[in-house]
Amino acid sequence: MTHDDIIREIAALLKITEDALGPGAGLGVTANWDSMAQVEIMMLLEQRFGVRVDERSLETYANLDNITNLVETKS
């Protein structure tokens, strides 16, 4: 999985353009990325990328940079 794949999937889930997922994108900062979307993103990571995130770590992965680092290191 590439960085672009991750952005494409998250943008589609959030129903925003890929350009809206720039540096600093994350929970409470990016349009449509609220707590419910955060849970959906974590489910997406597991289903599409095979990466499971423990509930205790949800806040750690509440921004695009941490998500892409996680997926790229686990893939």
Protein backbone atom coordinates (compact mmCIF):
# COMPACT_ATOMS: atom_id res chain seq x y z
CA MET A 1 0.00 0.00 0.00
CA THR A 2 1.29 3.40 -0.90
CA HIS A 3 0.71 6.77 0.70
CA ASP A 4 -1.56 7.68 -2.23
CA ASP A 5 -3.65 4.54 -1.72
CA ILE A 6 -4.19 5.42 1.92
CA ILE A 7 -5.17 9.00 1.08
CA ARG A 8 -7.54 7.82 -1.66
CA GLU A 9 -9.31 5.39 0.70
CA ILE A 10 -9.63 7.85 3.59
CA ALA A 11 -10.80 10.67 1.30
CA ALA A 12 -13.48 8.40 -0.15
CA LEU A 13 -14.61 7.37 3.32
CA LEU A 14 -14.77 11.00 4.48
CA LYS A 15 -16.37 12.09 1.18
CA ILE A 16 -13.77 14.81 0.63
CA THR A 17 -11.16 15.48 -2.03
CA GLU A 18 -7.75 13.90 -1.70
CA ASP A 19 -6.27 17.42 -1.65
CA ALA A 20 -8.07 18.05 1.65
CA LEU A 21 -5.84 15.42 3.28
CA GLY A 22 -2.64 17.39 3.44
CA PRO A 23 -0.14 17.84 6.25
CA GLY A 24 -1.85 18.11 9.60
CA ALA A 25 -5.02 16.35 8.47
CA GLY A 26 -6.78 14.56 11.27
CA LEU A 27 -9.56 14.23 13.77
CA GLY A 28 -11.28 17.53 14.45
CA VAL A 29 -9.12 19.35 11.89
CA THR A 30 -10.25 17.87 8.59
CA ALA A 31 -13.80 18.18 7.24
CA ASN A 32 -15.99 15.19 8.14
CA TRP A 33 -13.27 13.62 10.32
CA ASP A 34 -15.10 13.34 13.61
CA SER A 35 -15.11 10.63 16.27
CA MET A 36 -17.47 8.40 14.28
CA ALA A 37 -15.32 8.78 11.17
CA GLN A 38 -12.27 7.90 13.28
CA VAL A 39 -13.84 4.57 14.17
CA GLU A 40 -14.71 3.98 10.50
CA ILE A 41 -11.12 4.80 9.50
CA MET A 42 -9.82 2.25 11.99
CA MET A 43 -12.20 -0.35 10.53
CA LEU A 44 -10.99 0.60 7.04
CA LEU A 45 -7.37 0.08 8.11
CA GLU A 46 -8.21 -3.42 9.26
CA GLN A 47 -10.38 -4.39 6.29
CA ARG A 48 -8.44 -2.83 3.42
CA PHE A 49 -4.88 -2.78 4.72
CA GLY A 50 -4.84 -5.65 7.23
CA VAL A 51 -3.74 -3.36 10.06
CA ARG A 52 -5.49 -3.76 13.40
CA VAL A 53 -5.51 -0.89 15.87
CA ASP A 54 -6.21 -1.54 19.52
CA GLU A 55 -9.03 0.60 20.98
CA ARG A 56 -6.57 2.08 23.47
CA SER A 57 -4.50 3.39 20.55
CA LEU A 58 -7.30 5.16 18.66
CA GLU A 59 -6.08 8.62 19.65
CA THR A 60 -2.54 7.80 18.54
CA TYR A 61 -3.83 7.24 15.02
CA ALA A 62 -6.14 10.25 14.85
CA ASN A 63 -4.07 11.99 12.17
CA LEU A 64 -3.02 11.14 8.65
CA ASP A 65 0.73 11.12 9.31
CA ASN A 66 0.47 8.50 12.05
CA ILE A 67 -1.97 6.41 10.01
CA THR A 68 0.24 6.34 6.93
CA ASN A 69 3.32 5.51 9.03
CA LEU A 70 1.43 2.65 10.68
CA VAL A 71 0.15 1.18 7.41
CA GLU A 72 3.46 1.55 5.60
CA THR A 73 5.41 -0.16 8.39
CA LYS A 74 2.87 -2.99 8.81
CA SER A 75 2.46 -3.69 5.08
